[in-house]
PDB file of N, CA and C in Angstrom:
ATOM      1  N   MET A   1      13.483  36.232  29.757  1.00  0.00           N
ATOM      2  CA  MET A   1      12.093  36.142  30.123  1.00  0.00           C
ATOM      3  C   MET A   1      11.435  35.048  29.271  1.00  0.00           C
ATOM      4  N   SER A   2      10.975  34.025  29.920  1.00  0.00           N
ATOM      5  CA  SER A   2      10.372  32.884  29.245  1.00  0.00           C
ATOM      6  C   SER A   2       8.896  33.153  28.974  1.00  0.00           C
ATOM      7  N   ILE A   3       8.389  32.596  27.892  1.00  0.00           N
ATOM      8  CA  ILE A   3       6.968  32.794  27.587  1.00  0.00           C
ATOM      9  C   ILE A   3       6.090  32.074  28.602  1.00  0.00           C
ATOM     10  N   PHE A   4       6.652  31.066  29.267  1.00  0.00           N
ATOM     11  CA  PHE A   4       5.872  30.327  30.245  1.00  0.00           C
ATOM     12  C   PHE A   4       5.750  31.080  31.568  1.00  0.00           C
ATOM     13  N   ASN A   5       6.707  31.902  31.862  1.00  0.00           N
ATOM     14  CA  ASN A   5       6.677  32.683  33.106  1.00  0.00           C
ATOM     15  C   ASN A   5       6.046  34.054  32.895  1.00  0.00           C
ATOM     16  N   LYS A   6       5.905  34.459  31.665  1.00  0.00           N
ATOM     17  CA  LYS A   6       5.442  35.795  31.356  1.00  0.00           C
ATOM     18  C   LYS A   6       3.988  36.020  31.785  1.00  0.00           C
ATOM     19  N   ASN A   7       3.133  35.088  31.442  1.00  0.00           N
ATOM     20  CA  ASN A   7       1.719  35.252  31.745  1.00  0.00           C
ATOM     21  C   ASN A   7       1.206  34.026  32.480  1.00  0.00           C
ATOM     22  N   LYS A   8       0.860  34.203  33.704  1.00  0.00           N
ATOM     23  CA  LYS A   8       0.337  33.092  34.480  1.00  0.00           C
ATOM     24  C   LYS A   8      -1.128  33.294  34.842  1.00  0.00           C
ATOM     25  N   ASP A   9      -1.794  34.203  34.184  1.00  0.00           N
ATOM     26  CA  ASP A   9      -3.205  34.413  34.497  1.00  0.00           C
ATOM     27  C   ASP A   9      -4.021  33.258  33.900  1.00  0.00           C
ATOM     28  N   LYS A  10      -5.233  33.089  34.390  1.00  0.00           N
ATOM     29  CA  LYS A  10      -6.074  31.951  34.016  1.00  0.00           C
ATOM     30  C   LYS A  10      -6.438  31.954  32.537  1.00  0.00           C
ATOM     31  N   ASP A  11      -6.661  33.110  31.957  1.00  0.00           N
ATOM     32  CA  ASP A  11      -7.015  33.172  30.538  1.00  0.00           C
ATOM     33  C   ASP A  11      -5.893  32.625  29.662  1.00  0.00           C
ATOM     34  N   THR A  12      -4.681  33.024  29.977  1.00  0.00           N
ATOM     35  CA  THR A  12      -3.534  32.562  29.204  1.00  0.00           C
ATOM     36  C   THR A  12      -3.363  31.058  29.358  1.00  0.00           C
ATOM     37  N   ILE A  13      -3.492  30.574  30.569  1.00  0.00           N
ATOM     38  CA  ILE A  13      -3.359  29.135  30.822  1.00  0.00           C
ATOM     39  C   ILE A  13      -4.448  28.362  30.080  1.00  0.00           C
ATOM     40  N   THR A  14      -5.671  28.891  30.101  1.00  0.00           N
ATOM     41  CA  THR A  14      -6.770  28.247  29.389  1.00  0.00           C
ATOM     42  C   THR A  14      -6.491  28.205  27.890  1.00  0.00           C
ATOM     43  N   LEU A  15      -5.988  29.299  27.344  1.00  0.00           N
ATOM     44  CA  LEU A  15      -5.646  29.332  25.917  1.00  0.00           C
ATOM     45  C   LEU A  15      -4.563  28.314  25.575  1.00  0.00           C
ATOM     46  N   TRP A  16      -3.547  28.231  26.431  1.00  0.00           N
ATOM     47  CA  TRP A  16      -2.468  27.264  26.203  1.00  0.00           C
ATOM     48  C   TRP A  16      -3.003  25.835  26.248  1.00  0.00           C
ATOM     49  N   LYS A  17      -3.887  25.561  27.191  1.00  0.00           N
ATOM     50  CA  LYS A  17      -4.460  24.220  27.295  1.00  0.00           C
ATOM     51  C   LYS A  17      -5.305  23.879  26.074  1.00  0.00           C
ATOM     52  N   LYS A  18      -6.114  24.839  25.623  1.00  0.00           N
ATOM     53  CA  LYS A  18      -6.935  24.606  24.435  1.00  0.00           C
ATOM     54  C   LYS A  18      -6.058  24.361  23.210  1.00  0.00           C
ATOM     55  N   GLU A  19      -5.007  25.136  23.090  1.00  0.00           N
ATOM     56  CA  GLU A  19      -4.089  24.968  21.963  1.00  0.00           C
ATOM     57  C   GLU A  19      -3.389  23.606  22.038  1.00  0.00           C
ATOM     58  N   ALA A  20      -2.984  23.211  23.225  1.00  0.00           N
ATOM     59  CA  ALA A  20      -2.349  21.902  23.404  1.00  0.00           C
ATOM     60  C   ALA A  20      -3.320  20.779  23.041  1.00  0.00           C
ATOM     61  N   GLU A  21      -4.577  20.906  23.439  1.00  0.00           N
ATOM     62  CA  GLU A  21      -5.582  19.894  23.100  1.00  0.00           C
ATOM     63  C   GLU A  21      -5.815  19.851  21.590  1.00  0.00           C
ATOM     64  N   ARG A  22      -5.873  21.016  20.955  1.00  0.00           N
ATOM     65  CA  ARG A  22      -6.072  21.074  19.505  1.00  0.00           C
ATOM     66  C   ARG A  22      -4.907  20.413  18.780  1.00  0.00           C
ATOM     67  N   LEU A  23      -3.702  20.728  19.232  1.00  0.00           N
ATOM     68  CA  LEU A  23      -2.516  20.142  18.611  1.00  0.00           C
ATOM     69  C   LEU A  23      -2.470  18.626  18.816  1.00  0.00           C
ATOM     70  N   GLU A  24      -2.893  18.170  19.977  1.00  0.00           N
ATOM     71  CA  GLU A  24      -2.920  16.730  20.242  1.00  0.00           C
ATOM     72  C   GLU A  24      -3.946  16.035  19.333  1.00  0.00           C
ATOM     73  N   ARG A  25      -5.127  16.642  19.166  1.00  0.00           N
ATOM     74  CA  ARG A  25      -6.138  16.074  18.257  1.00  0.00           C
ATOM     75  C   ARG A  25      -5.605  16.019  16.831  1.00  0.00           C
ATOM     76  N   GLU A  26      -4.968  17.107  16.417  1.00  0.00           N
ATOM     77  CA  GLU A  26      -4.408  17.168  15.073  1.00  0.00           C
ATOM     78  C   GLU A  26      -3.338  16.096  14.878  1.00  0.00           C
ATOM     79  N   ARG A  27      -2.488  15.933  15.883  1.00  0.00           N
ATOM     80  CA  ARG A  27      -1.441  14.910  15.845  1.00  0.00           C
ATOM     81  C   ARG A  27      -2.053  13.523  15.736  1.00  0.00           C
ATOM     82  N   ASN A  28      -3.087  13.260  16.524  1.00  0.00           N
ATOM     83  CA  ASN A  28      -3.733  11.948  16.491  1.00  0.00           C
ATOM     84  C   ASN A  28      -4.400  11.692  15.145  1.00  0.00           C
ATOM     85  N   ASP A  29      -5.025  12.719  14.578  1.00  0.00           N
ATOM     86  CA  ASP A  29      -5.641  12.584  13.258  1.00  0.00           C
ATOM     87  C   ASP A  29      -4.587  12.269  12.198  1.00  0.00           C
ATOM     88  N   LEU A  30      -3.464  12.968  12.285  1.00  0.00           N
ATOM     89  CA  LEU A  30      -2.385  12.731  11.320  1.00  0.00           C
ATOM     90  C   LEU A  30      -1.770  11.341  11.492  1.00  0.00           C
ATOM     91  N   LEU A  31      -1.654  10.887  12.712  1.00  0.00           N
ATOM     92  CA  LEU A  31      -1.148   9.529  12.948  1.00  0.00           C
ATOM     93  C   LEU A  31      -2.103   8.490  12.374  1.00  0.00           C
ATOM     94  N   ASP A  32      -3.408   8.720  12.530  1.00  0.00           N
ATOM     95  CA  ASP A  32      -4.398   7.809  11.944  1.00  0.00           C
ATOM     96  C   ASP A  32      -4.260   7.762  10.428  1.00  0.00           C
ATOM     97  N   GLU A  33      -4.092   8.930   9.820  1.00  0.00           N
ATOM     98  CA  GLU A  33      -3.920   8.989   8.369  1.00  0.00           C
ATOM     99  C   GLU A  33      -2.643   8.272   7.943  1.00  0.00           C
ATOM    100  N   LEU A  34      -1.575   8.478   8.700  1.00  0.00           N
ATOM    101  CA  LEU A  34      -0.297   7.830   8.393  1.00  0.00           C
ATOM    102  C   LEU A  34      -0.436   6.310   8.473  1.00  0.00           C
ATOM    103  N   ASN A  35      -1.119   5.826   9.496  1.00  0.00           N
ATOM    104  CA  ASN A  35      -1.316   4.383   9.636  1.00  0.00           C
ATOM    105  C   ASN A  35      -2.169   3.836   8.494  1.00  0.00           C
ATOM    106  N   ALA A  36      -3.170   4.581   8.069  1.00  0.00           N
ATOM    107  CA  ALA A  36      -3.999   4.162   6.936  1.00  0.00           C
ATOM    108  C   ALA A  36      -3.155   4.088   5.667  1.00  0.00           C
ATOM    109  N   ILE A  37      -2.300   5.072   5.469  1.00  0.00           N
ATOM    110  CA  ILE A  37      -1.419   5.078   4.302  1.00  0.00           C
ATOM    111  C   ILE A  37      -0.465   3.890   4.356  1.00  0.00           C
ATOM    112  N   ARG A  38       0.058   3.585   5.519  1.00  0.00           N
ATOM    113  CA  ARG A  38       0.945   2.426   5.667  1.00  0.00           C
ATOM    114  C   ARG A  38       0.217   1.133   5.325  1.00  0.00           C
ATOM    115  N   GLN A  39      -1.049   1.026   5.723  1.00  0.00           N
ATOM    116  CA  GLN A  39      -1.834  -0.163   5.397  1.00  0.00           C
ATOM    117  C   GLN A  39      -2.061  -0.255   3.891  1.00  0.00           C
ATOM    118  N   TYR A  40      -2.379   0.876   3.246  1.00  0.00           N
ATOM    119  CA  TYR A  40      -2.557   0.884   1.797  1.00  0.00           C
ATOM    120  C   TYR A  40      -1.258   0.483   1.094  1.00  0.00           C
ATOM    121  N   LYS A  41      -0.151   0.984   1.619  1.00  0.00           N
ATOM    122  CA  LYS A  41       1.148   0.644   1.031  1.00  0.00           C
ATOM    123  C   LYS A  41       1.403  -0.854   1.136  1.00  0.00           C
ATOM    124  N   GLN A  42       1.109  -1.443   2.286  1.00  0.00           N
ATOM    125  CA  GLN A  42       1.310  -2.880   2.474  1.00  0.00           C
ATOM    126  C   GLN A  42       0.394  -3.674   1.544  1.00  0.00           C
ATOM    127  N   GLN A  43      -0.858  -3.242   1.410  1.00  0.00           N
ATOM    128  CA  GLN A  43      -1.779  -3.915   0.498  1.00  0.00           C
ATOM    129  C   GLN A  43      -1.274  -3.819  -0.941  1.00  0.00           C
ATOM    130  N   TYR A  44      -0.762  -2.659  -1.312  1.00  0.00           N
ATOM    131  CA  TYR A  44      -0.234  -2.448  -2.652  1.00  0.00           C
ATOM    132  C   TYR A  44       0.958  -3.374  -2.907  1.00  0.00           C
ATOM    133  N   GLU A  45       1.860  -3.469  -1.939  1.00  0.00           N
ATOM    134  CA  GLU A  45       3.019  -4.351  -2.079  1.00  0.00           C
ATOM    135  C   GLU A  45       2.579  -5.808  -2.178  1.00  0.00           C
ATOM    136  N   ASN A  46       1.557  -6.183  -1.407  1.00  0.00           N
ATOM    137  CA  ASN A  46       1.028  -7.546  -1.495  1.00  0.00           C
ATOM    138  C   ASN A  46       0.425  -7.810  -2.869  1.00  0.00           C
ATOM    139  N   LEU A  47      -0.286  -6.819  -3.404  1.00  0.00           N
ATOM    140  CA  LEU A  47      -0.862  -6.963  -4.743  1.00  0.00           C
ATOM    141  C   LEU A  47       0.224  -7.114  -5.801  1.00  0.00           C
ATOM    142  N   ILE A  48       1.282  -6.338  -5.679  1.00  0.00           N
ATOM    143  CA  ILE A  48       2.390  -6.436  -6.633  1.00  0.00           C
ATOM    144  C   ILE A  48       2.998  -7.835  -6.578  1.00  0.00           C
ATOM    145  N   THR A  49       3.189  -8.361  -5.392  1.00  0.00           N
ATOM    146  CA  THR A  49       3.732  -9.707  -5.238  1.00  0.00           C
ATOM    147  C   THR A  49       2.803 -10.738  -5.866  1.00  0.00           C
ATOM    148  N   GLU A  50       1.512 -10.611  -5.621  1.00  0.00           N
ATOM    149  CA  GLU A  50       0.529 -11.539  -6.174  1.00  0.00           C
ATOM    150  C   GLU A  50       0.484 -11.454  -7.695  1.00  0.00           C
ATOM    151  N   VAL A  51       0.515 -10.247  -8.242  1.00  0.00           N
ATOM    152  CA  VAL A  51       0.493 -10.071  -9.695  1.00  0.00           C
ATOM    153  C   VAL A  51       1.751 -10.673 -10.322  1.00  0.00           C
ATOM    154  N   THR A  52       2.883 -10.481  -9.690  1.00  0.00           N
ATOM    155  CA  THR A  52       4.128 -11.060 -10.194  1.00  0.00           C
ATOM    156  C   THR A  52       4.048 -12.583 -10.208  1.00  0.00           C
ATOM    157  N   ARG A  53       3.498 -13.158  -9.167  1.00  0.00           N
ATOM    158  CA  ARG A  53       3.346 -14.606  -9.088  1.00  0.00           C
ATOM    159  C   ARG A  53       2.405 -15.102 -10.189  1.00  0.00           C
ATOM    160  N   LEU A  54       1.278 -14.402 -10.362  1.00  0.00           N
ATOM    161  CA  LEU A  54       0.336 -14.787 -11.411  1.00  0.00           C
ATOM    162  C   LEU A  54       0.950 -14.648 -12.804  1.00  0.00           C
ATOM    163  N   LYS A  55       1.711 -13.591 -13.011  1.00  0.00           N
ATOM    164  CA  LYS A  55       2.379 -13.367 -14.301  1.00  0.00           C
ATOM    165  C   LYS A  55       3.304 -14.532 -14.615  1.00  0.00           C
ATOM    166  N   ASN A  56       4.081 -14.942 -13.628  1.00  0.00           N
ATOM    167  CA  ASN A  56       5.000 -16.064 -13.833  1.00  0.00           C
ATOM    168  C   ASN A  56       4.234 -17.347 -14.147  1.00  0.00           C
ATOM    169  N   ASN A  57       3.129 -17.573 -13.431  1.00  0.00           N
ATOM    170  CA  ASN A  57       2.308 -18.764 -13.694  1.00  0.00           C
ATOM    171  C   ASN A  57       1.746 -18.731 -15.116  1.00  0.00           C
ATOM    172  N   TYR A  58       1.253 -17.577 -15.540  1.00  0.00           N
ATOM    173  CA  TYR A  58       0.701 -17.461 -16.891  1.00  0.00           C
ATOM    174  C   TYR A  58       1.775 -17.647 -17.954  1.00  0.00           C
ATOM    175  N   GLU A  59       2.971 -17.145 -17.704  1.00  0.00           N
ATOM    176  CA  GLU A  59       4.051 -17.343 -18.671  1.00  0.00           C
ATOM    177  C   GLU A  59       4.365 -18.825 -18.837  1.00  0.00           C
ATOM    178  N   VAL A  60       4.361 -19.563 -17.748  1.00  0.00           N
ATOM    179  CA  VAL A  60       4.577 -21.009 -17.813  1.00  0.00           C
ATOM    180  C   VAL A  60       3.446 -21.668 -18.594  1.00  0.00           C
ATOM    181  N   LEU A  61       2.209 -21.278 -18.304  1.00  0.00           N
ATOM    182  CA  LEU A  61       1.060 -21.859 -19.010  1.00  0.00           C
ATOM    183  C   LEU A  61       1.092 -21.531 -20.506  1.00  0.00           C
ATOM    184  N   ILE A  62       1.473 -20.323 -20.843  1.00  0.00           N
ATOM    185  CA  ILE A  62       1.568 -19.931 -22.252  1.00  0.00           C
ATOM    186  C   ILE A  62       2.628 -20.774 -22.954  1.00  0.00           C
ATOM    187  N   THR A  63       3.764 -20.964 -22.310  1.00  0.00           N
ATOM    188  CA  THR A  63       4.826 -21.790 -22.884  1.00  0.00           C
ATOM    189  C   THR A  63       4.334 -23.218 -23.084  1.00  0.00           C
ATOM    190  N   GLN A  64       3.646 -23.765 -22.103  1.00  0.00           N
ATOM    191  CA  GLN A  64       3.106 -25.122 -22.219  1.00  0.00           C
ATOM    192  C   GLN A  64       2.076 -25.208 -23.350  1.00  0.00           C
ATOM    193  N   THR A  65       1.225 -24.205 -23.451  1.00  0.00           N
ATOM    194  CA  THR A  65       0.210 -24.187 -24.503  1.00  0.00           C
ATOM    195  C   THR A  65       0.858 -24.137 -25.885  1.00  0.00           C
ATOM    196  N   LYS A  66       1.887 -23.324 -26.035  1.00  0.00           N
ATOM    197  CA  LYS A  66       2.602 -23.244 -27.309  1.00  0.00           C
ATOM    198  C   LYS A  66       3.235 -24.584 -27.650  1.00  0.00           C
ATOM    199  N   SER A  67       3.809 -25.218 -26.651  1.00  0.00           N
ATOM    200  CA  SER A  67       4.434 -26.519 -26.865  1.00  0.00           C
ATOM    201  C   SER A  67       3.404 -27.554 -27.308  1.00  0.00           C
ATOM    202  N   ILE A  68       2.279 -27.600 -26.637  1.00  0.00           N
ATOM    203  CA  ILE A  68       1.210 -28.536 -26.995  1.00  0.00           C
ATOM    204  C   ILE A  68       0.695 -28.226 -28.401  1.00  0.00           C
ATOM    205  N   SER A  69       0.530 -26.954 -28.710  1.00  0.00           N
ATOM    206  CA  SER A  69       0.061 -26.543 -30.029  1.00  0.00           C
ATOM    207  C   SER A  69       1.030 -27.006 -31.114  1.00  0.00           C
ATOM    208  N   ASN A  70       2.316 -26.818 -30.869  1.00  0.00           N
ATOM    209  CA  ASN A  70       3.328 -27.253 -31.845  1.00  0.00           C
ATOM    210  C   ASN A  70       3.295 -28.771 -32.024  1.00  0.00           C
ATOM    211  N   GLU A  71       3.124 -29.487 -30.927  1.00  0.00           N
ATOM    212  CA  GLU A  71       3.029 -30.950 -31.007  1.00  0.00           C
ATOM    213  C   GLU A  71       1.843 -31.367 -31.864  1.00  0.00           C
ATOM    214  N   TYR A  72       0.697 -30.766 -31.642  1.00  0.00           N
ATOM    215  CA  TYR A  72      -0.496 -31.094 -32.422  1.00  0.00           C
ATOM    216  C   TYR A  72      -0.313 -30.755 -33.894  1.00  0.00           C
ATOM    217  N   LYS A  73       0.348 -29.641 -34.188  1.00  0.00           N
ATOM    218  CA  LYS A  73       0.616 -29.274 -35.576  1.00  0.00           C
ATOM    219  C   LYS A  73       1.475 -30.339 -36.256  1.00  0.00           C
ATOM    220  N   LYS A  74       2.525 -30.795 -35.532  1.00  0.00           N
ATOM    221  CA  LYS A  74       3.398 -31.835 -36.080  1.00  0.00           C
ATOM    222  C   LYS A  74       2.608 -33.120 -36.324  1.00  0.00           C
ATOM    223  N   LYS A  75       1.786 -33.511 -35.368  1.00  0.00           N
ATOM    224  CA  LYS A  75       0.998 -34.736 -35.514  1.00  0.00           C
ATOM    225  C   LYS A  75      -0.005 -34.596 -36.659  1.00  0.00           C
ATOM    226  N   LEU A  76      -0.590 -33.411 -36.794  1.00  0.00           N
ATOM    227  CA  LEU A  76      -1.509 -33.167 -37.890  1.00  0.00           C
ATOM    228  C   LEU A  76      -0.796 -33.268 -39.241  1.00  0.00           C
ATOM    229  N   GLN A  77       0.395 -32.677 -39.315  1.00  0.00           N
ATOM    230  CA  GLN A  77       1.177 -32.741 -40.553  1.00  0.00           C
ATOM    231  C   GLN A  77       1.538 -34.184 -40.892  1.00  0.00           C
ATOM    232  N   ASN A  78       1.903 -34.976 -39.871  1.00  0.00           N
ATOM    233  CA  ASN A  78       2.235 -36.388 -40.095  1.00  0.00           C
ATOM    234  C   ASN A  78       0.999 -37.164 -40.522  1.00  0.00           C
ATOM    235  N   ALA A  79      -0.147 -36.823 -39.956  1.00  0.00           N
ATOM    236  CA  ALA A  79      -1.386 -37.526 -40.295  1.00  0.00           C
ATOM    237  C   ALA A  79      -1.829 -37.179 -41.716  1.00  0.00           C
ATOM    238  N   ILE A  80      -1.572 -35.967 -42.151  1.00  0.00           N
ATOM    239  CA  ILE A  80      -1.966 -35.532 -43.494  1.00  0.00           C
ATOM    240  C   ILE A  80      -1.083 -36.203 -44.551  1.00  0.00           C
ATOM    241  N   LYS A  81       0.157 -36.441 -44.249  1.00  0.00           N
ATOM    242  CA  LYS A  81       1.106 -37.021 -45.219  1.00  0.00           C
ATOM    243  C   LYS A  81       0.738 -38.395 -45.522  1.00  0.00           C
TER     244      LYS A  81
END
């Protein structure tokens, strides 16, 4: 005996339809949330990539600054002598 064949009166059918509509709304809401989370994840990954790129650029700049600083120190020492 199937639950679908058990009750075919209008009240039961109406209840099933309302439940199906509620479940569909809930599913759509959850899909919207999932898509929002996916967008946040993509933004986060993009930020990580950008931060990594900036970090590498700053490391290069720091190395260059140290090199220039050392050069100036040497020139200053030579000028003082």
